[in-house]
Amino acid sequence: MKSITINGSQRESVGKKATKALRNAGQVPCVLYGGDKPVHFAAPELAFSKLVYTPNAHTVVINLEGGEVLKAVLQDIQFHPTTDRILHVDFYQLFDDKEIALDIPVQLVGNSKGVKNGGVLRRNNRKLRIKALPANLPDFIEIDITPLKIGDKVAVGDLPSGDYTFLHSDNTVVCQVRTSRTAVVDDEDEDEVEAGDVPATETDDTAAVKE
């Protein structure tokens, strides 16, 4: 998984006055959890743009003054209710030998057969939560929707898990192709209908003539 580097400085004071002063100076108060003790630090608000305003998932490398380097993932973020400015950010520290749970974006590729025939693609889950070692975290989960016909769906149980574990039940639907008013029968289905229904119709007509 790709990483974003944030340069920050540890906070000596965590009171309301100190926090307000930080925000007025364009800094965002942050806390890193998961280690032996919480680490309080601050970083420029602009440093979070590539981390927050994106649908992608990233790990974070936090460079603190003094040379300390910590790996983490974004855990929680608070915004101002009216200005949408970042008020506070919580991180969770990563360790190479400890698994972490994280939401990973789903990336659909290909052109669905069902959509070509007028069906509607529905994305039930744009992100999936997985559990893995930091080194095995994927940038995204790719699903090829090319073979999906109208009425077909992809569930978590249909996906290869690889080096990570899905934290969803196997029947959780990720995406599906639903019918619509403009939908037409898929070519393969049409062939099956013609092959199966014609003899049956002829048999009924024959029976009616005999009567």
N, C-alpha and C. Protein backbone atom coordinates (compact mmCIF):
# COMPACT_ATOMS: atom_id res chain seq x y z
N MET A 1 0.84 -1.20 0.00
CA MET A 1 0.00 0.00 0.00
C MET A 1 0.87 1.25 0.00
N LYS A 2 0.45 2.26 -0.74
CA LYS A 2 1.20 3.50 -0.82
C LYS A 2 1.15 4.26 0.50
N SER A 3 2.21 5.00 0.77
CA SER A 3 2.31 5.75 2.03
C SER A 3 2.37 7.26 1.76
N ILE A 4 1.88 8.01 2.72
CA ILE A 4 1.97 9.47 2.69
C ILE A 4 2.77 9.91 3.91
N THR A 5 3.71 10.80 3.70
CA THR A 5 4.56 11.27 4.79
C THR A 5 4.02 12.57 5.37
N ILE A 6 3.94 12.62 6.68
CA ILE A 6 3.51 13.83 7.39
C ILE A 6 4.59 14.23 8.38
N ASN A 7 5.05 15.45 8.26
CA ASN A 7 6.06 15.97 9.18
C ASN A 7 5.38 16.74 10.31
N GLY A 8 5.68 16.36 11.53
CA GLY A 8 5.04 17.01 12.67
C GLY A 8 5.99 17.25 13.82
N SER A 9 5.48 17.88 14.84
CA SER A 9 6.26 18.15 16.05
C SER A 9 5.43 17.76 17.26
N GLN A 10 6.09 17.16 18.24
CA GLN A 10 5.37 16.72 19.43
C GLN A 10 4.85 17.91 20.22
N ARG A 11 3.68 17.70 20.84
CA ARG A 11 3.04 18.74 21.62
C ARG A 11 3.37 18.56 23.10
N GLU A 12 3.82 19.63 23.71
CA GLU A 12 4.12 19.58 25.14
C GLU A 12 2.88 19.85 25.96
N SER A 13 2.00 20.69 25.43
CA SER A 13 0.77 21.02 26.15
C SER A 13 -0.43 20.58 25.32
N VAL A 14 -1.41 19.94 25.99
CA VAL A 14 -2.58 19.43 25.27
C VAL A 14 -3.87 20.09 25.77
N GLY A 15 -3.76 21.21 26.46
CA GLY A 15 -4.93 21.91 26.97
C GLY A 15 -5.69 22.63 25.87
N LYS A 16 -6.86 23.19 26.22
CA LYS A 16 -7.71 23.87 25.25
C LYS A 16 -7.04 25.11 24.67
N LYS A 17 -6.35 25.87 25.50
CA LYS A 17 -5.69 27.08 25.02
C LYS A 17 -4.60 26.75 24.01
N ALA A 18 -3.81 25.73 24.33
CA ALA A 18 -2.72 25.34 23.44
C ALA A 18 -3.28 24.79 22.12
N THR A 19 -4.36 24.04 22.21
CA THR A 19 -4.99 23.48 21.01
C THR A 19 -5.54 24.58 20.12
N LYS A 20 -6.18 25.56 20.73
CA LYS A 20 -6.73 26.68 19.96
C LYS A 20 -5.62 27.47 19.29
N ALA A 21 -4.52 27.66 20.00
CA ALA A 21 -3.38 28.39 19.43
C ALA A 21 -2.80 27.65 18.23
N LEU A 22 -2.75 26.33 18.32
CA LEU A 22 -2.26 25.53 17.20
C LEU A 22 -3.13 25.72 15.97
N ARG A 23 -4.43 25.64 16.16
CA ARG A 23 -5.35 25.78 15.03
C ARG A 23 -5.27 27.17 14.40
N ASN A 24 -5.12 28.18 15.23
CA ASN A 24 -4.98 29.54 14.71
C ASN A 24 -3.70 29.70 13.89
N ALA A 25 -2.71 28.86 14.17
CA ALA A 25 -1.44 28.92 13.45
C ALA A 25 -1.43 27.98 12.24
N GLY A 26 -2.60 27.41 11.91
CA GLY A 26 -2.68 26.53 10.75
C GLY A 26 -2.20 25.12 11.01
N GLN A 27 -2.11 24.74 12.29
CA GLN A 27 -1.67 23.40 12.67
C GLN A 27 -2.87 22.56 13.11
N VAL A 28 -2.76 21.25 12.94
CA VAL A 28 -3.82 20.33 13.34
C VAL A 28 -3.31 19.47 14.50
N PRO A 29 -3.99 19.50 15.64
CA PRO A 29 -3.60 18.62 16.76
C PRO A 29 -3.91 17.16 16.43
N CYS A 30 -2.97 16.28 16.73
CA CYS A 30 -3.13 14.86 16.41
C CYS A 30 -2.72 14.01 17.61
N VAL A 31 -3.26 12.79 17.62
CA VAL A 31 -2.88 11.81 18.63
C VAL A 31 -2.64 10.48 17.94
N LEU A 32 -1.52 9.84 18.29
CA LEU A 32 -1.20 8.52 17.76
C LEU A 32 -1.41 7.49 18.86
N TYR A 33 -2.32 6.55 18.62
CA TYR A 33 -2.61 5.50 19.59
C TYR A 33 -2.00 4.17 19.12
N GLY A 34 -2.04 3.18 20.01
CA GLY A 34 -1.60 1.84 19.65
C GLY A 34 -0.25 1.45 20.19
N GLY A 35 0.55 2.42 20.62
CA GLY A 35 1.86 2.13 21.17
C GLY A 35 1.82 1.98 22.68
N ASP A 36 2.96 2.12 23.33
CA ASP A 36 3.01 2.02 24.78
C ASP A 36 2.23 3.14 25.45
N LYS A 37 2.21 4.30 24.81
CA LYS A 37 1.44 5.43 25.32
C LYS A 37 1.07 6.33 24.15
N PRO A 38 -0.01 7.12 24.29
CA PRO A 38 -0.41 8.02 23.21
C PRO A 38 0.68 9.06 22.92
N VAL A 39 0.84 9.36 21.63
CA VAL A 39 1.80 10.38 21.21
C VAL A 39 1.03 11.57 20.68
N HIS A 40 1.17 12.71 21.34
CA HIS A 40 0.50 13.94 20.92
C HIS A 40 1.45 14.76 20.06
N PHE A 41 0.97 15.14 18.88
CA PHE A 41 1.79 15.96 18.00
C PHE A 41 0.90 16.85 17.14
N ALA A 42 1.51 17.74 16.40
CA ALA A 42 0.77 18.64 15.52
C ALA A 42 1.46 18.69 14.17
N ALA A 43 0.67 18.93 13.12
CA ALA A 43 1.20 19.00 11.76
C ALA A 43 0.42 20.04 10.97
N PRO A 44 1.01 20.62 9.93
CA PRO A 44 0.32 21.63 9.12
C PRO A 44 -0.94 21.06 8.49
N GLU A 45 -1.99 21.86 8.45
CA GLU A 45 -3.27 21.40 7.90
C GLU A 45 -3.13 20.95 6.44
N LEU A 46 -2.31 21.63 5.68
CA LEU A 46 -2.12 21.29 4.26
C LEU A 46 -1.51 19.90 4.07
N ALA A 47 -0.83 19.40 5.09
CA ALA A 47 -0.18 18.09 4.97
C ALA A 47 -1.18 16.95 4.88
N PHE A 48 -2.45 17.22 5.23
CA PHE A 48 -3.46 16.15 5.26
C PHE A 48 -4.30 16.08 3.99
N SER A 49 -4.09 16.97 3.04
CA SER A 49 -4.94 17.03 1.85
C SER A 49 -4.93 15.72 1.07
N LYS A 50 -3.76 15.14 0.85
CA LYS A 50 -3.68 13.90 0.07
C LYS A 50 -4.14 12.68 0.85
N LEU A 51 -4.25 12.82 2.15
CA LEU A 51 -4.68 11.71 2.99
C LEU A 51 -6.19 11.69 3.19
N VAL A 52 -6.76 12.89 3.35
CA VAL A 52 -8.17 13.00 3.71
C VAL A 52 -9.08 13.13 2.50
N TYR A 53 -8.73 14.00 1.56
CA TYR A 53 -9.61 14.29 0.43
C TYR A 53 -9.33 13.37 -0.74
N THR A 54 -9.46 12.08 -0.52
CA THR A 54 -9.22 11.08 -1.55
C THR A 54 -9.99 9.82 -1.21
N PRO A 55 -10.47 9.09 -2.22
CA PRO A 55 -11.16 7.82 -1.94
C PRO A 55 -10.19 6.67 -1.70
N ASN A 56 -8.90 6.92 -1.93
CA ASN A 56 -7.90 5.87 -1.80
C ASN A 56 -7.49 5.66 -0.34
N ALA A 57 -6.95 4.49 -0.06
CA ALA A 57 -6.46 4.17 1.28
C ALA A 57 -4.93 4.28 1.29
N HIS A 58 -4.39 4.81 2.36
CA HIS A 58 -2.95 4.98 2.49
C HIS A 58 -2.50 4.64 3.91
N THR A 59 -1.26 4.23 4.01
CA THR A 59 -0.62 4.21 5.32
C THR A 59 0.11 5.55 5.47
N VAL A 60 0.52 5.85 6.68
CA VAL A 60 1.13 7.16 6.95
C VAL A 60 2.48 6.97 7.64
N VAL A 61 3.45 7.73 7.17
CA VAL A 61 4.74 7.77 7.83
C VAL A 61 4.84 9.13 8.53
N ILE A 62 4.90 9.10 9.86
CA ILE A 62 4.94 10.33 10.65
C ILE A 62 6.38 10.61 11.06
N ASN A 63 6.90 11.70 10.54
CA ASN A 63 8.26 12.14 10.89
C ASN A 63 8.16 13.23 11.95
N LEU A 64 8.62 12.93 13.15
CA LEU A 64 8.58 13.90 14.23
C LEU A 64 9.94 14.58 14.38
N GLU A 65 9.91 15.80 14.89
CA GLU A 65 11.16 16.52 15.13
C GLU A 65 12.02 15.72 16.11
N GLY A 66 13.28 15.62 15.80
CA GLY A 66 14.17 14.82 16.62
C GLY A 66 14.53 13.51 15.95
N GLY A 67 13.88 13.23 14.80
CA GLY A 67 14.24 12.04 14.03
C GLY A 67 13.39 10.81 14.27
N GLU A 68 12.40 10.89 15.15
CA GLU A 68 11.55 9.73 15.39
C GLU A 68 10.59 9.51 14.23
N VAL A 69 10.54 8.28 13.72
CA VAL A 69 9.67 7.94 12.60
C VAL A 69 8.69 6.86 13.03
N LEU A 70 7.40 7.10 12.81
CA LEU A 70 6.36 6.16 13.22
C LEU A 70 5.44 5.86 12.04
N LYS A 71 5.05 4.59 11.91
CA LYS A 71 4.12 4.19 10.86
C LYS A 71 2.72 4.09 11.45
N ALA A 72 1.74 4.52 10.68
CA ALA A 72 0.38 4.54 11.21
C ALA A 72 -0.65 4.49 10.08
N VAL A 73 -1.93 4.39 10.49
CA VAL A 73 -3.06 4.54 9.58
C VAL A 73 -4.02 5.54 10.21
N LEU A 74 -4.80 6.20 9.36
CA LEU A 74 -5.80 7.16 9.84
C LEU A 74 -6.91 6.40 10.55
N GLN A 75 -7.22 6.83 11.78
CA GLN A 75 -8.27 6.16 12.54
C GLN A 75 -9.55 6.99 12.61
N ASP A 76 -9.42 8.28 12.85
CA ASP A 76 -10.59 9.14 12.97
C ASP A 76 -10.19 10.58 12.67
N ILE A 77 -11.15 11.35 12.17
CA ILE A 77 -10.88 12.75 11.85
C ILE A 77 -12.12 13.57 12.18
N GLN A 78 -11.90 14.75 12.75
CA GLN A 78 -13.00 15.63 13.11
C GLN A 78 -12.91 16.92 12.29
N PHE A 79 -14.08 17.34 11.74
CA PHE A 79 -14.15 18.55 10.94
C PHE A 79 -14.99 19.61 11.66
N HIS A 80 -14.71 20.86 11.36
CA HIS A 80 -15.53 21.95 11.88
C HIS A 80 -16.92 21.85 11.22
N PRO A 81 -18.00 22.00 11.97
CA PRO A 81 -19.36 21.80 11.42
C PRO A 81 -19.75 22.78 10.32
N THR A 82 -19.15 23.95 10.29
CA THR A 82 -19.55 24.95 9.28
C THR A 82 -18.46 25.24 8.25
N THR A 83 -17.20 25.22 8.67
CA THR A 83 -16.11 25.57 7.74
C THR A 83 -15.46 24.34 7.11
N ASP A 84 -15.72 23.15 7.67
CA ASP A 84 -15.11 21.90 7.19
C ASP A 84 -13.60 21.86 7.37
N ARG A 85 -13.07 22.75 8.16
CA ARG A 85 -11.63 22.68 8.47
C ARG A 85 -11.37 21.48 9.38
N ILE A 86 -10.18 20.92 9.25
CA ILE A 86 -9.82 19.77 10.08
C ILE A 86 -9.52 20.25 11.50
N LEU A 87 -10.22 19.68 12.47
CA LEU A 87 -10.04 20.08 13.86
C LEU A 87 -9.09 19.15 14.62
N HIS A 88 -9.17 17.86 14.31
CA HIS A 88 -8.39 16.89 15.09
C HIS A 88 -8.26 15.60 14.29
N VAL A 89 -7.14 14.93 14.43
CA VAL A 89 -6.91 13.67 13.72
C VAL A 89 -6.34 12.64 14.68
N ASP A 90 -6.91 11.43 14.64
CA ASP A 90 -6.40 10.30 15.41
C ASP A 90 -5.75 9.30 14.47
N PHE A 91 -4.59 8.79 14.85
CA PHE A 91 -3.90 7.76 14.08
C PHE A 91 -3.76 6.52 14.94
N TYR A 92 -3.54 5.38 14.27
CA TYR A 92 -3.27 4.14 14.98
C TYR A 92 -1.93 3.60 14.49
N GLN A 93 -1.04 3.32 15.43
CA GLN A 93 0.32 2.94 15.07
C GLN A 93 0.37 1.53 14.47
N LEU A 94 1.22 1.37 13.46
CA LEU A 94 1.42 0.09 12.81
C LEU A 94 2.70 -0.58 13.29
N PHE A 95 2.64 -1.90 13.39
CA PHE A 95 3.81 -2.70 13.71
C PHE A 95 3.90 -3.82 12.67
N ASP A 96 5.09 -4.10 12.20
CA ASP A 96 5.28 -5.05 11.10
C ASP A 96 4.73 -6.43 11.41
N ASP A 97 4.72 -6.82 12.69
CA ASP A 97 4.30 -8.18 13.06
C ASP A 97 2.89 -8.24 13.63
N LYS A 98 2.12 -7.14 13.52
CA LYS A 98 0.76 -7.12 14.05
C LYS A 98 -0.23 -6.79 12.94
N GLU A 99 -1.30 -7.59 12.86
CA GLU A 99 -2.32 -7.33 11.84
C GLU A 99 -3.13 -6.09 12.20
N ILE A 100 -3.64 -5.43 11.16
CA ILE A 100 -4.43 -4.22 11.33
C ILE A 100 -5.70 -4.35 10.50
N ALA A 101 -6.81 -3.84 11.00
CA ALA A 101 -8.07 -3.83 10.25
C ALA A 101 -8.21 -2.49 9.55
N LEU A 102 -8.57 -2.53 8.27
CA LEU A 102 -8.62 -1.30 7.48
C LEU A 102 -9.66 -1.43 6.37
N ASP A 103 -10.31 -0.30 6.05
CA ASP A 103 -11.26 -0.27 4.93
C ASP A 103 -10.51 -0.03 3.63
N ILE A 104 -10.69 -0.92 2.66
CA ILE A 104 -9.99 -0.85 1.39
C ILE A 104 -11.00 -0.56 0.27
N PRO A 105 -10.72 0.40 -0.61
CA PRO A 105 -11.66 0.70 -1.70
C PRO A 105 -11.77 -0.44 -2.70
N VAL A 106 -12.96 -0.59 -3.27
CA VAL A 106 -13.22 -1.60 -4.30
C VAL A 106 -13.11 -0.93 -5.67
N GLN A 107 -12.36 -1.53 -6.56
CA GLN A 107 -12.18 -0.99 -7.90
C GLN A 107 -12.77 -1.98 -8.91
N LEU A 108 -13.78 -1.52 -9.66
CA LEU A 108 -14.42 -2.37 -10.66
C LEU A 108 -13.77 -2.13 -12.02
N VAL A 109 -13.49 -3.21 -12.74
CA VAL A 109 -12.90 -3.11 -14.07
C VAL A 109 -13.73 -3.94 -15.05
N GLY A 110 -13.65 -3.58 -16.33
CA GLY A 110 -14.38 -4.30 -17.36
C GLY A 110 -15.75 -3.70 -17.62
N ASN A 111 -16.39 -4.18 -18.70
CA ASN A 111 -17.74 -3.74 -19.08
C ASN A 111 -18.70 -4.92 -18.95
N SER A 112 -19.63 -4.80 -18.04
CA SER A 112 -20.57 -5.88 -17.77
C SER A 112 -21.48 -6.16 -18.96
N LYS A 113 -21.68 -7.47 -19.26
CA LYS A 113 -22.60 -7.87 -20.32
C LYS A 113 -24.02 -7.40 -20.01
N GLY A 114 -24.38 -7.50 -18.74
CA GLY A 114 -25.73 -7.09 -18.34
C GLY A 114 -25.96 -5.60 -18.51
N VAL A 115 -24.96 -4.79 -18.23
CA VAL A 115 -25.08 -3.34 -18.38
C VAL A 115 -25.19 -2.98 -19.86
N LYS A 116 -24.45 -3.68 -20.71
CA LYS A 116 -24.53 -3.44 -22.16
C LYS A 116 -25.94 -3.71 -22.68
N ASN A 117 -26.65 -4.63 -22.02
CA ASN A 117 -28.01 -4.97 -22.43
C ASN A 117 -29.07 -4.17 -21.69
N GLY A 118 -28.64 -3.08 -21.05
CA GLY A 118 -29.61 -2.20 -20.41
C GLY A 118 -29.78 -2.36 -18.92
N GLY A 119 -29.04 -3.29 -18.33
CA GLY A 119 -29.12 -3.46 -16.88
C GLY A 119 -28.43 -2.32 -16.15
N VAL A 120 -28.66 -2.24 -14.86
CA VAL A 120 -28.10 -1.18 -14.04
C VAL A 120 -27.11 -1.76 -13.04
N LEU A 121 -25.90 -1.24 -13.04
CA LEU A 121 -24.88 -1.70 -12.10
C LEU A 121 -25.07 -1.00 -10.75
N ARG A 122 -25.18 -1.79 -9.72
CA ARG A 122 -25.33 -1.23 -8.37
C ARG A 122 -24.13 -1.61 -7.53
N ARG A 123 -23.52 -0.60 -6.90
CA ARG A 123 -22.36 -0.84 -6.04
C ARG A 123 -22.84 -0.84 -4.58
N ASN A 124 -23.02 -2.01 -4.03
CA ASN A 124 -23.53 -2.13 -2.66
C ASN A 124 -22.50 -1.74 -1.62
N ASN A 125 -21.22 -2.04 -1.89
CA ASN A 125 -20.14 -1.70 -0.96
C ASN A 125 -18.95 -1.16 -1.75
N ARG A 126 -18.67 0.12 -1.55
CA ARG A 126 -17.54 0.74 -2.25
C ARG A 126 -16.22 0.49 -1.52
N LYS A 127 -16.31 0.05 -0.28
CA LYS A 127 -15.12 -0.31 0.48
C LYS A 127 -15.39 -1.61 1.23
N LEU A 128 -14.34 -2.38 1.43
CA LEU A 128 -14.45 -3.62 2.20
C LEU A 128 -13.40 -3.59 3.31
N ARG A 129 -13.80 -4.04 4.47
CA ARG A 129 -12.89 -4.06 5.62
C ARG A 129 -12.12 -5.38 5.64
N ILE A 130 -10.82 -5.28 5.75
CA ILE A 130 -9.97 -6.46 5.77
C ILE A 130 -9.05 -6.41 6.98
N LYS A 131 -8.40 -7.53 7.23
CA LYS A 131 -7.41 -7.62 8.30
C LYS A 131 -6.15 -8.25 7.74
N ALA A 132 -5.01 -7.57 7.93
CA ALA A 132 -3.77 -8.08 7.35
C ALA A 132 -2.57 -7.45 8.04
N LEU A 133 -1.40 -8.04 7.81
CA LEU A 133 -0.15 -7.41 8.24
C LEU A 133 0.07 -6.17 7.37
N PRO A 134 0.71 -5.13 7.90
CA PRO A 134 0.92 -3.90 7.12
C PRO A 134 1.53 -4.14 5.74
N ALA A 135 2.45 -5.07 5.63
CA ALA A 135 3.11 -5.33 4.36
C ALA A 135 2.17 -5.95 3.33
N ASN A 136 1.04 -6.53 3.79
CA ASN A 136 0.11 -7.20 2.88
C ASN A 136 -1.14 -6.39 2.58
N LEU A 137 -1.19 -5.14 3.03
CA LEU A 137 -2.36 -4.30 2.76
C LEU A 137 -2.38 -3.90 1.28
N PRO A 138 -3.46 -4.18 0.57
CA PRO A 138 -3.54 -3.81 -0.85
C PRO A 138 -3.99 -2.35 -1.01
N ASP A 139 -3.65 -1.75 -2.16
CA ASP A 139 -4.12 -0.40 -2.45
C ASP A 139 -5.61 -0.39 -2.72
N PHE A 140 -6.11 -1.45 -3.33
CA PHE A 140 -7.53 -1.58 -3.65
C PHE A 140 -7.84 -3.06 -3.89
N ILE A 141 -9.13 -3.38 -3.92
CA ILE A 141 -9.59 -4.72 -4.23
C ILE A 141 -10.25 -4.67 -5.61
N GLU A 142 -9.66 -5.36 -6.57
CA GLU A 142 -10.13 -5.29 -7.96
C GLU A 142 -11.12 -6.41 -8.26
N ILE A 143 -12.21 -6.03 -8.92
CA ILE A 143 -13.23 -7.00 -9.33
C ILE A 143 -13.53 -6.80 -10.81
N ASP A 144 -13.40 -7.86 -11.59
CA ASP A 144 -13.72 -7.82 -13.01
C ASP A 144 -15.20 -8.13 -13.19
N ILE A 145 -15.97 -7.14 -13.66
CA ILE A 145 -17.42 -7.32 -13.78
C ILE A 145 -17.84 -7.71 -15.20
N THR A 146 -16.87 -7.98 -16.08
CA THR A 146 -17.17 -8.30 -17.48
C THR A 146 -18.19 -9.43 -17.63
N PRO A 147 -18.06 -10.55 -16.90
CA PRO A 147 -19.00 -11.66 -17.12
C PRO A 147 -20.38 -11.48 -16.48
N LEU A 148 -20.60 -10.43 -15.73
CA LEU A 148 -21.87 -10.27 -15.02
C LEU A 148 -23.02 -10.00 -15.98
N LYS A 149 -24.05 -10.84 -15.92
CA LYS A 149 -25.27 -10.64 -16.70
C LYS A 149 -26.34 -10.06 -15.78
N ILE A 150 -27.48 -9.71 -16.36
CA ILE A 150 -28.56 -9.15 -15.56
C ILE A 150 -29.00 -10.17 -14.51
N GLY A 151 -29.04 -9.75 -13.27
CA GLY A 151 -29.40 -10.64 -12.17
C GLY A 151 -28.21 -11.22 -11.45
N ASP A 152 -27.02 -11.09 -12.03
CA ASP A 152 -25.81 -11.61 -11.39
C ASP A 152 -25.31 -10.65 -10.31
N LYS A 153 -24.55 -11.19 -9.37
CA LYS A 153 -23.97 -10.38 -8.31
C LYS A 153 -22.63 -10.97 -7.89
N VAL A 154 -21.84 -10.14 -7.23
CA VAL A 154 -20.56 -10.58 -6.67
C VAL A 154 -20.62 -10.40 -5.16
N ALA A 155 -20.37 -11.48 -4.43
CA ALA A 155 -20.37 -11.43 -2.97
C ALA A 155 -18.95 -11.61 -2.46
N VAL A 156 -18.76 -11.30 -1.20
CA VAL A 156 -17.42 -11.41 -0.60
C VAL A 156 -16.87 -12.82 -0.75
N GLY A 157 -17.74 -13.81 -0.64
CA GLY A 157 -17.29 -15.20 -0.76
C GLY A 157 -16.76 -15.55 -2.14
N ASP A 158 -17.06 -14.73 -3.14
CA ASP A 158 -16.58 -14.97 -4.50
C ASP A 158 -15.19 -14.40 -4.74
N LEU A 159 -14.68 -13.62 -3.80
CA LEU A 159 -13.41 -12.92 -3.99
C LEU A 159 -12.24 -13.70 -3.41
N PRO A 160 -11.10 -13.70 -4.10
CA PRO A 160 -9.90 -14.32 -3.53
C PRO A 160 -9.37 -13.45 -2.40
N SER A 161 -8.99 -14.05 -1.31
CA SER A 161 -8.55 -13.27 -0.14
C SER A 161 -7.05 -13.05 -0.11
N GLY A 162 -6.27 -13.94 -0.69
CA GLY A 162 -4.82 -13.74 -0.74
C GLY A 162 -4.19 -13.68 0.64
N ASP A 163 -3.44 -12.61 0.90
CA ASP A 163 -2.71 -12.47 2.16
C ASP A 163 -3.48 -11.68 3.21
N TYR A 164 -4.78 -11.55 3.02
CA TYR A 164 -5.59 -10.82 3.99
C TYR A 164 -6.92 -11.53 4.20
N THR A 165 -7.63 -11.13 5.25
CA THR A 165 -8.90 -11.75 5.60
C THR A 165 -10.01 -10.72 5.54
N PHE A 166 -11.11 -11.06 4.88
CA PHE A 166 -12.27 -10.16 4.83
C PHE A 166 -13.02 -10.22 6.15
N LEU A 167 -13.38 -9.06 6.66
CA LEU A 167 -14.14 -8.99 7.90
C LEU A 167 -15.63 -8.80 7.62
N HIS A 168 -16.12 -9.54 6.64
CA HIS A 168 -17.53 -9.54 6.26
C HIS A 168 -17.97 -10.98 6.09
N SER A 169 -19.26 -11.22 6.17
CA SER A 169 -19.78 -12.56 5.89
C SER A 169 -19.66 -12.83 4.40
N ASP A 170 -19.56 -14.11 4.04
CA ASP A 170 -19.39 -14.49 2.64
C ASP A 170 -20.53 -14.03 1.74
N ASN A 171 -21.73 -13.87 2.30
CA ASN A 171 -22.88 -13.49 1.47
C ASN A 171 -23.07 -11.98 1.36
N THR A 172 -22.13 -11.19 1.87
CA THR A 172 -22.21 -9.73 1.72
C THR A 172 -22.03 -9.37 0.26
N VAL A 173 -23.02 -8.69 -0.33
CA VAL A 173 -22.98 -8.33 -1.75
C VAL A 173 -22.12 -7.10 -1.95
N VAL A 174 -21.20 -7.20 -2.90
CA VAL A 174 -20.31 -6.07 -3.22
C VAL A 174 -20.88 -5.25 -4.38
N CYS A 175 -21.33 -5.95 -5.42
CA CYS A 175 -21.95 -5.27 -6.55
C CYS A 175 -22.88 -6.25 -7.26
N GLN A 176 -23.80 -5.70 -8.05
CA GLN A 176 -24.74 -6.55 -8.78
C GLN A 176 -25.29 -5.79 -9.98
N VAL A 177 -25.80 -6.55 -10.94
CA VAL A 177 -26.43 -5.95 -12.12
C VAL A 177 -27.92 -6.22 -12.03
N ARG A 178 -28.69 -5.14 -11.93
CA ARG A 178 -30.13 -5.28 -11.78
C ARG A 178 -30.83 -4.95 -13.09
N THR A 179 -32.03 -5.46 -13.24
CA THR A 179 -32.78 -5.21 -14.46
C THR A 179 -33.37 -3.81 -14.45
N SER A 180 -33.78 -3.34 -15.61
CA SER A 180 -34.41 -2.03 -15.74
C SER A 180 -35.46 -2.10 -16.83
N ARG A 181 -36.22 -1.04 -17.03
CA ARG A 181 -37.28 -1.04 -18.03
C ARG A 181 -36.74 -1.17 -19.45
N THR A 182 -35.51 -0.71 -19.64
CA THR A 182 -34.92 -0.75 -20.99
C THR A 182 -34.07 -1.99 -21.21
N ALA A 183 -33.99 -2.86 -20.21
CA ALA A 183 -33.12 -4.03 -20.32
C ALA A 183 -33.66 -5.02 -21.35
N VAL A 184 -32.75 -5.71 -22.02
CA VAL A 184 -33.10 -6.76 -22.96
C VAL A 184 -32.47 -8.06 -22.48
N VAL A 185 -32.94 -9.17 -22.99
CA VAL A 185 -32.41 -10.47 -22.58
C VAL A 185 -30.99 -10.62 -23.07
N ASP A 186 -30.10 -11.09 -22.20
CA ASP A 186 -28.73 -11.33 -22.62
C ASP A 186 -28.72 -12.35 -23.75
N ASP A 187 -27.75 -12.22 -24.65
CA ASP A 187 -27.67 -13.09 -25.81
C ASP A 187 -27.67 -14.56 -25.43
N GLU A 188 -26.86 -14.94 -24.44
CA GLU A 188 -26.76 -16.33 -24.03
C GLU A 188 -28.09 -16.81 -23.47
N ASP A 189 -28.76 -15.96 -22.68
CA ASP A 189 -30.04 -16.33 -22.10
C ASP A 189 -31.10 -16.50 -23.19
N GLU A 190 -31.02 -15.62 -24.22
CA GLU A 190 -31.99 -15.67 -25.30
C GLU A 190 -31.88 -17.00 -26.04
N ASP A 191 -30.62 -17.44 -26.25
CA ASP A 191 -30.40 -18.71 -26.93
C ASP A 191 -30.99 -19.85 -26.12
N GLU A 192 -30.80 -19.81 -24.80
CA GLU A 192 -31.32 -20.86 -23.94
C GLU A 192 -32.85 -20.90 -23.97
N VAL A 193 -33.47 -19.70 -23.99
CA VAL A 193 -34.93 -19.62 -24.02
C VAL A 193 -35.47 -20.21 -25.31
N GLU A 194 -34.84 -19.84 -26.44
CA GLU A 194 -35.30 -20.35 -27.73
C GLU A 194 -35.16 -21.86 -27.80
N ALA A 195 -34.05 -22.37 -27.26
CA ALA A 195 -33.81 -23.80 -27.33
C ALA A 195 -34.76 -24.58 -26.44
N GLY A 196 -35.14 -23.99 -25.31
CA GLY A 196 -35.95 -24.72 -24.34
C GLY A 196 -37.43 -24.52 -24.50
N ASP A 197 -37.88 -23.35 -24.99
CA ASP A 197 -39.30 -23.05 -25.00
C ASP A 197 -40.02 -23.47 -26.27
N VAL A 198 -39.35 -23.48 -27.40
CA VAL A 198 -40.02 -23.79 -28.67
C VAL A 198 -40.64 -25.17 -28.69
N PRO A 199 -39.90 -26.22 -28.30
CA PRO A 199 -40.50 -27.57 -28.30
C PRO A 199 -41.72 -27.65 -27.39
N ALA A 200 -41.66 -27.00 -26.23
CA ALA A 200 -42.77 -27.06 -25.29
C ALA A 200 -44.01 -26.43 -25.89
N THR A 201 -43.84 -25.30 -26.61
CA THR A 201 -44.97 -24.60 -27.22
C THR A 201 -45.60 -25.46 -28.30
N GLU A 202 -44.74 -26.12 -29.09
CA GLU A 202 -45.25 -26.98 -30.15
C GLU A 202 -46.06 -28.13 -29.57
N THR A 203 -45.58 -28.66 -28.46
CA THR A 203 -46.29 -29.78 -27.83
C THR A 203 -47.67 -29.36 -27.37
N ASP A 204 -47.79 -28.14 -26.79
CA ASP A 204 -49.09 -27.65 -26.33
C ASP A 204 -50.04 -27.45 -27.50
N ASP A 205 -49.51 -26.88 -28.60
CA ASP A 205 -50.36 -26.63 -29.76
C ASP A 205 -50.84 -27.93 -30.36
N THR A 206 -49.95 -28.92 -30.40
CA THR A 206 -50.30 -30.22 -30.95
C THR A 206 -51.42 -30.87 -30.14
N ALA A 207 -51.29 -30.73 -28.82
CA ALA A 207 -52.30 -31.30 -27.94
C ALA A 207 -53.66 -30.64 -28.16
N ALA A 208 -53.62 -29.32 -28.40
CA ALA A 208 -54.87 -28.59 -28.59
C ALA A 208 -55.54 -29.02 -29.89
N VAL A 209 -54.74 -29.26 -30.93
CA VAL A 209 -55.31 -29.68 -32.23
C VAL A 209 -55.97 -31.05 -32.10
N LYS A 210 -55.30 -31.95 -31.35
CA LYS A 210 -55.85 -33.31 -31.20
C LYS A 210 -57.21 -33.28 -30.53
N GLU A 211 -57.36 -32.31 -29.57
CA GLU A 211 -58.64 -32.23 -28.88
C GLU A 211 -59.74 -31.77 -29.82
